[in-house]
N, C-alpha and C. Protein backbone atom coordinates (compact mmCIF):
# COMPACT_ATOMS: atom_id res chain seq x y z
N MET A 1 -10.07 37.42 14.00
CA MET A 1 -8.97 37.01 13.14
C MET A 1 -8.89 37.93 11.93
N ASN A 2 -7.69 38.18 11.58
CA ASN A 2 -7.40 39.03 10.43
C ASN A 2 -7.46 38.17 9.16
N PRO A 3 -8.20 38.61 8.14
CA PRO A 3 -8.28 37.81 6.91
C PRO A 3 -6.92 37.62 6.23
N ASP A 4 -5.97 38.49 6.51
CA ASP A 4 -4.64 38.34 5.91
C ASP A 4 -3.92 37.10 6.44
N SER A 5 -4.32 36.62 7.61
CA SER A 5 -3.67 35.43 8.16
C SER A 5 -4.06 34.17 7.40
N TYR A 6 -5.14 34.22 6.63
CA TYR A 6 -5.55 33.07 5.83
C TYR A 6 -4.91 33.04 4.46
N LEU A 7 -4.20 34.08 4.10
CA LEU A 7 -3.57 34.15 2.77
C LEU A 7 -2.57 33.02 2.55
N PRO A 8 -1.68 32.71 3.50
CA PRO A 8 -0.77 31.58 3.25
C PRO A 8 -1.49 30.25 3.04
N VAL A 9 -2.58 30.04 3.77
CA VAL A 9 -3.34 28.80 3.61
C VAL A 9 -3.97 28.76 2.23
N LEU A 10 -4.54 29.86 1.80
CA LEU A 10 -5.14 29.93 0.47
C LEU A 10 -4.09 29.71 -0.62
N LEU A 11 -2.93 30.31 -0.47
CA LEU A 11 -1.86 30.11 -1.45
C LEU A 11 -1.42 28.64 -1.46
N PHE A 12 -1.32 28.04 -0.30
CA PHE A 12 -0.94 26.63 -0.23
C PHE A 12 -1.95 25.75 -0.96
N ILE A 13 -3.23 26.02 -0.77
CA ILE A 13 -4.27 25.22 -1.43
C ILE A 13 -4.21 25.41 -2.95
N ILE A 14 -4.00 26.63 -3.39
CA ILE A 14 -3.92 26.90 -4.83
C ILE A 14 -2.70 26.21 -5.44
N ILE A 15 -1.56 26.29 -4.77
CA ILE A 15 -0.35 25.66 -5.28
C ILE A 15 -0.50 24.13 -5.27
N ALA A 16 -1.08 23.58 -4.21
CA ALA A 16 -1.29 22.13 -4.14
C ALA A 16 -2.22 21.66 -5.25
N PHE A 17 -3.26 22.42 -5.51
CA PHE A 17 -4.18 22.07 -6.59
C PHE A 17 -3.45 22.12 -7.94
N GLY A 18 -2.63 23.16 -8.12
CA GLY A 18 -1.88 23.29 -9.37
C GLY A 18 -0.88 22.16 -9.57
N VAL A 19 -0.20 21.77 -8.49
CA VAL A 19 0.77 20.68 -8.60
C VAL A 19 0.06 19.35 -8.86
N GLY A 20 -1.12 19.18 -8.32
CA GLY A 20 -1.85 17.94 -8.51
C GLY A 20 -2.54 17.83 -9.86
N VAL A 21 -3.15 18.91 -10.29
CA VAL A 21 -3.95 18.88 -11.51
C VAL A 21 -3.14 19.32 -12.73
N GLY A 22 -2.17 20.19 -12.52
CA GLY A 22 -1.37 20.72 -13.63
C GLY A 22 -0.75 19.66 -14.52
N PRO A 23 -0.01 18.70 -13.98
CA PRO A 23 0.58 17.67 -14.84
C PRO A 23 -0.46 16.82 -15.57
N LEU A 24 -1.61 16.58 -14.95
CA LEU A 24 -2.65 15.82 -15.64
C LEU A 24 -3.19 16.57 -16.84
N VAL A 25 -3.43 17.85 -16.65
CA VAL A 25 -3.93 18.67 -17.75
C VAL A 25 -2.86 18.81 -18.84
N ALA A 26 -1.61 19.03 -18.43
CA ALA A 26 -0.53 19.18 -19.41
C ALA A 26 -0.35 17.89 -20.21
N GLY A 27 -0.43 16.75 -19.55
CA GLY A 27 -0.31 15.48 -20.28
C GLY A 27 -1.44 15.27 -21.25
N ARG A 28 -2.64 15.68 -20.87
CA ARG A 28 -3.80 15.51 -21.74
C ARG A 28 -3.72 16.45 -22.96
N VAL A 29 -3.26 17.68 -22.72
CA VAL A 29 -3.20 18.67 -23.80
C VAL A 29 -2.00 18.42 -24.71
N LEU A 30 -0.84 18.17 -24.13
CA LEU A 30 0.39 18.07 -24.92
C LEU A 30 0.69 16.67 -25.42
N GLY A 31 0.16 15.65 -24.79
CA GLY A 31 0.48 14.27 -25.16
C GLY A 31 -0.25 13.82 -26.41
N PRO A 32 0.32 12.83 -27.10
CA PRO A 32 -0.34 12.31 -28.30
C PRO A 32 -1.60 11.53 -27.92
N HIS A 33 -2.58 11.57 -28.78
CA HIS A 33 -3.83 10.86 -28.55
C HIS A 33 -4.16 10.07 -29.81
N ARG A 34 -3.69 8.82 -29.85
CA ARG A 34 -3.93 7.97 -31.01
C ARG A 34 -4.56 6.65 -30.54
N PRO A 35 -5.86 6.65 -30.26
CA PRO A 35 -6.50 5.43 -29.76
C PRO A 35 -6.62 4.37 -30.86
N ASN A 36 -6.53 3.13 -30.46
CA ASN A 36 -6.83 2.02 -31.34
C ASN A 36 -7.44 0.90 -30.48
N PRO A 37 -8.01 -0.11 -31.09
CA PRO A 37 -8.70 -1.14 -30.30
C PRO A 37 -7.78 -1.84 -29.29
N ASP A 38 -6.51 -2.03 -29.64
CA ASP A 38 -5.61 -2.70 -28.70
C ASP A 38 -5.34 -1.85 -27.47
N LYS A 39 -5.19 -0.55 -27.67
CA LYS A 39 -4.94 0.33 -26.52
C LYS A 39 -6.17 0.50 -25.65
N LEU A 40 -7.33 0.43 -26.24
CA LEU A 40 -8.57 0.65 -25.49
C LEU A 40 -9.10 -0.63 -24.85
N ALA A 41 -8.51 -1.77 -25.16
CA ALA A 41 -8.98 -3.03 -24.59
C ALA A 41 -8.58 -3.11 -23.12
N PRO A 42 -9.42 -3.70 -22.28
CA PRO A 42 -9.03 -3.86 -20.88
C PRO A 42 -7.86 -4.84 -20.77
N TYR A 43 -6.95 -4.52 -19.90
CA TYR A 43 -5.75 -5.34 -19.73
C TYR A 43 -5.82 -6.05 -18.38
N GLU A 44 -5.62 -7.35 -18.41
CA GLU A 44 -5.69 -8.13 -17.18
C GLU A 44 -4.57 -9.15 -17.18
N CYS A 45 -3.43 -8.78 -16.65
CA CYS A 45 -2.30 -9.69 -16.47
C CYS A 45 -1.86 -10.36 -17.77
N GLY A 46 -1.98 -9.68 -18.89
CA GLY A 46 -1.53 -10.24 -20.14
C GLY A 46 -2.53 -11.14 -20.84
N PHE A 47 -3.66 -11.40 -20.20
CA PHE A 47 -4.68 -12.26 -20.79
C PHE A 47 -5.87 -11.41 -21.22
N GLU A 48 -6.59 -11.92 -22.17
CA GLU A 48 -7.83 -11.26 -22.55
C GLU A 48 -8.81 -11.36 -21.38
N ALA A 49 -9.58 -10.30 -21.19
CA ALA A 49 -10.56 -10.31 -20.11
C ALA A 49 -11.63 -11.36 -20.41
N PHE A 50 -12.00 -12.11 -19.38
CA PHE A 50 -13.01 -13.14 -19.56
C PHE A 50 -13.85 -13.22 -18.30
N GLY A 51 -15.07 -13.62 -18.46
CA GLY A 51 -15.95 -13.81 -17.32
C GLY A 51 -16.45 -12.50 -16.73
N ASP A 52 -17.18 -12.65 -15.66
CA ASP A 52 -17.78 -11.51 -14.97
C ASP A 52 -16.76 -10.93 -13.99
N ALA A 53 -16.73 -9.64 -13.86
CA ALA A 53 -15.81 -8.99 -12.93
C ALA A 53 -16.19 -9.27 -11.48
N ARG A 54 -17.41 -9.71 -11.24
CA ARG A 54 -17.87 -9.98 -9.88
C ARG A 54 -17.76 -11.46 -9.50
N MET A 55 -16.94 -12.21 -10.24
CA MET A 55 -16.81 -13.63 -9.92
C MET A 55 -16.09 -13.81 -8.59
N GLN A 56 -16.32 -14.95 -7.96
CA GLN A 56 -15.72 -15.21 -6.67
C GLN A 56 -14.27 -15.63 -6.85
N PHE A 57 -13.42 -15.14 -5.92
CA PHE A 57 -12.01 -15.51 -5.93
C PHE A 57 -11.76 -16.54 -4.85
N ASP A 58 -10.72 -17.30 -5.05
CA ASP A 58 -10.32 -18.28 -4.05
C ASP A 58 -9.86 -17.54 -2.79
N ILE A 59 -10.21 -18.09 -1.65
CA ILE A 59 -9.89 -17.45 -0.37
C ILE A 59 -8.38 -17.34 -0.17
N ARG A 60 -7.60 -18.17 -0.84
CA ARG A 60 -6.14 -18.12 -0.68
C ARG A 60 -5.55 -16.80 -1.15
N PHE A 61 -6.17 -16.16 -2.13
CA PHE A 61 -5.69 -14.83 -2.55
C PHE A 61 -5.77 -13.85 -1.39
N TYR A 62 -6.87 -13.89 -0.67
CA TYR A 62 -7.05 -12.99 0.46
C TYR A 62 -6.11 -13.34 1.61
N LEU A 63 -5.91 -14.63 1.85
CA LEU A 63 -4.98 -15.04 2.91
C LEU A 63 -3.57 -14.58 2.63
N VAL A 64 -3.13 -14.73 1.39
CA VAL A 64 -1.79 -14.27 1.02
C VAL A 64 -1.69 -12.76 1.16
N ALA A 65 -2.74 -12.04 0.75
CA ALA A 65 -2.72 -10.58 0.87
C ALA A 65 -2.67 -10.14 2.33
N ILE A 66 -3.43 -10.80 3.19
CA ILE A 66 -3.43 -10.44 4.61
C ILE A 66 -2.08 -10.76 5.23
N LEU A 67 -1.51 -11.91 4.88
CA LEU A 67 -0.19 -12.25 5.42
C LEU A 67 0.88 -11.26 4.93
N PHE A 68 0.78 -10.85 3.68
CA PHE A 68 1.73 -9.87 3.16
C PHE A 68 1.63 -8.56 3.94
N ILE A 69 0.41 -8.09 4.15
CA ILE A 69 0.23 -6.84 4.90
C ILE A 69 0.74 -6.99 6.33
N LEU A 70 0.47 -8.12 6.94
CA LEU A 70 0.92 -8.36 8.31
C LEU A 70 2.44 -8.28 8.42
N PHE A 71 3.14 -8.98 7.55
CA PHE A 71 4.60 -9.00 7.65
C PHE A 71 5.22 -7.73 7.07
N ASP A 72 4.54 -7.06 6.19
CA ASP A 72 5.01 -5.76 5.72
C ASP A 72 4.94 -4.74 6.85
N LEU A 73 3.87 -4.77 7.62
CA LEU A 73 3.76 -3.87 8.78
C LEU A 73 4.79 -4.23 9.86
N GLU A 74 5.10 -5.50 9.97
CA GLU A 74 6.14 -5.89 10.92
C GLU A 74 7.46 -5.23 10.58
N ILE A 75 7.81 -5.24 9.32
CA ILE A 75 9.06 -4.59 8.89
C ILE A 75 8.97 -3.08 9.11
N ALA A 76 7.80 -2.51 8.90
CA ALA A 76 7.64 -1.07 9.13
C ALA A 76 7.85 -0.72 10.60
N PHE A 77 7.54 -1.63 11.52
CA PHE A 77 7.81 -1.39 12.94
C PHE A 77 9.26 -1.70 13.31
N LEU A 78 9.89 -2.60 12.59
CA LEU A 78 11.25 -2.98 12.95
C LEU A 78 12.28 -1.90 12.63
N PHE A 79 12.12 -1.17 11.55
CA PHE A 79 13.10 -0.15 11.18
C PHE A 79 13.22 0.95 12.24
N PRO A 80 12.13 1.59 12.64
CA PRO A 80 12.28 2.63 13.68
C PRO A 80 12.77 2.06 15.00
N TRP A 81 12.36 0.83 15.32
CA TRP A 81 12.82 0.20 16.55
C TRP A 81 14.33 -0.01 16.51
N ALA A 82 14.84 -0.47 15.38
CA ALA A 82 16.27 -0.71 15.27
C ALA A 82 17.07 0.59 15.35
N VAL A 83 16.52 1.65 14.80
CA VAL A 83 17.22 2.94 14.84
C VAL A 83 17.25 3.50 16.25
N SER A 84 16.17 3.33 17.00
CA SER A 84 16.09 3.93 18.34
C SER A 84 16.38 2.94 19.46
N LEU A 85 17.00 1.81 19.15
CA LEU A 85 17.24 0.78 20.16
C LEU A 85 18.13 1.29 21.30
N ASP A 86 19.09 2.14 21.01
CA ASP A 86 19.96 2.67 22.07
C ASP A 86 19.17 3.51 23.07
N SER A 87 18.22 4.27 22.59
CA SER A 87 17.49 5.17 23.49
C SER A 87 16.35 4.49 24.25
N ILE A 88 15.78 3.42 23.71
CA ILE A 88 14.66 2.77 24.39
C ILE A 88 15.11 1.70 25.38
N GLY A 89 16.32 1.24 25.25
CA GLY A 89 16.89 0.34 26.25
C GLY A 89 16.36 -1.07 26.21
N PHE A 90 16.60 -1.76 27.33
CA PHE A 90 16.26 -3.17 27.43
C PHE A 90 14.75 -3.41 27.41
N LEU A 91 13.98 -2.52 27.99
CA LEU A 91 12.52 -2.67 27.99
C LEU A 91 11.96 -2.62 26.57
N GLY A 92 12.49 -1.72 25.75
CA GLY A 92 12.08 -1.66 24.35
C GLY A 92 12.46 -2.91 23.59
N PHE A 93 13.63 -3.48 23.92
CA PHE A 93 14.06 -4.72 23.29
C PHE A 93 13.11 -5.86 23.65
N VAL A 94 12.75 -5.96 24.92
CA VAL A 94 11.85 -7.03 25.37
C VAL A 94 10.47 -6.86 24.73
N ALA A 95 9.99 -5.63 24.65
CA ALA A 95 8.68 -5.39 24.04
C ALA A 95 8.67 -5.83 22.58
N MET A 96 9.74 -5.55 21.84
CA MET A 96 9.80 -5.95 20.44
C MET A 96 9.93 -7.47 20.32
N MET A 97 10.63 -8.10 21.23
CA MET A 97 10.74 -9.56 21.19
C MET A 97 9.38 -10.22 21.45
N VAL A 98 8.58 -9.64 22.35
CA VAL A 98 7.23 -10.15 22.58
C VAL A 98 6.38 -9.98 21.32
N PHE A 99 6.50 -8.82 20.69
CA PHE A 99 5.77 -8.55 19.44
C PHE A 99 6.17 -9.55 18.37
N LEU A 100 7.46 -9.79 18.20
CA LEU A 100 7.93 -10.74 17.20
C LEU A 100 7.52 -12.17 17.54
N ALA A 101 7.52 -12.51 18.82
CA ALA A 101 7.10 -13.86 19.23
C ALA A 101 5.63 -14.09 18.88
N ILE A 102 4.80 -13.09 19.09
CA ILE A 102 3.38 -13.23 18.74
C ILE A 102 3.23 -13.42 17.23
N LEU A 103 3.99 -12.67 16.45
CA LEU A 103 3.92 -12.84 15.00
C LEU A 103 4.44 -14.19 14.56
N VAL A 104 5.48 -14.68 15.20
CA VAL A 104 6.01 -16.01 14.84
C VAL A 104 4.99 -17.09 15.18
N VAL A 105 4.33 -16.97 16.31
CA VAL A 105 3.29 -17.95 16.67
C VAL A 105 2.17 -17.93 15.63
N GLY A 106 1.76 -16.74 15.20
CA GLY A 106 0.74 -16.65 14.16
C GLY A 106 1.20 -17.23 12.84
N PHE A 107 2.47 -16.99 12.50
CA PHE A 107 3.02 -17.53 11.26
C PHE A 107 3.07 -19.05 11.30
N VAL A 108 3.50 -19.62 12.41
CA VAL A 108 3.55 -21.08 12.55
C VAL A 108 2.14 -21.66 12.49
N PHE A 109 1.17 -20.98 13.11
CA PHE A 109 -0.21 -21.44 13.06
C PHE A 109 -0.71 -21.48 11.62
N GLU A 110 -0.45 -20.41 10.86
CA GLU A 110 -0.87 -20.37 9.45
C GLU A 110 -0.17 -21.46 8.66
N TRP A 111 1.09 -21.69 8.94
CA TRP A 111 1.85 -22.71 8.24
C TRP A 111 1.27 -24.09 8.53
N LYS A 112 0.98 -24.38 9.79
CA LYS A 112 0.44 -25.69 10.17
C LYS A 112 -0.96 -25.91 9.59
N LYS A 113 -1.74 -24.85 9.49
CA LYS A 113 -3.10 -24.96 8.93
C LYS A 113 -3.08 -25.13 7.42
N GLY A 114 -1.93 -24.89 6.78
CA GLY A 114 -1.81 -25.05 5.33
C GLY A 114 -2.20 -23.82 4.54
N ALA A 115 -2.27 -22.66 5.18
CA ALA A 115 -2.66 -21.45 4.46
C ALA A 115 -1.58 -21.00 3.48
N LEU A 116 -0.35 -21.45 3.69
CA LEU A 116 0.74 -21.05 2.81
C LEU A 116 0.95 -22.03 1.67
N ASP A 117 0.26 -23.16 1.68
CA ASP A 117 0.39 -24.16 0.61
C ASP A 117 -0.49 -23.75 -0.56
N TRP A 118 0.09 -23.73 -1.73
CA TRP A 118 -0.64 -23.37 -2.94
C TRP A 118 -0.70 -24.60 -3.83
N GLU A 119 -1.91 -25.03 -4.14
CA GLU A 119 -2.09 -26.27 -4.91
C GLU A 119 -2.19 -25.98 -6.38
């Protein structure tokens, strides 16, 4: 291999590093730096930080997060399917209906178990 063939890759890495690190350095050098206790305090949803950071959370937080990811991924699959529905035909339609039916069964199961109820 000719070392000249690696020049574009090297240039790409240098430019990518510059685009990634350049704005951070520019913001640090050019931006104002006026710290005070309020700015340096940890921020947690508008409340003062309290307790240990390693405290246990209610399992419902995780259930809601998992359900959000599940249905967010469902939408991510639905957009390309809807765009290519003409080309994939009836078999693609049936496959997506099976996929959606499985998700609906899971959603109904979670609903019946009370995972969506917040007390």
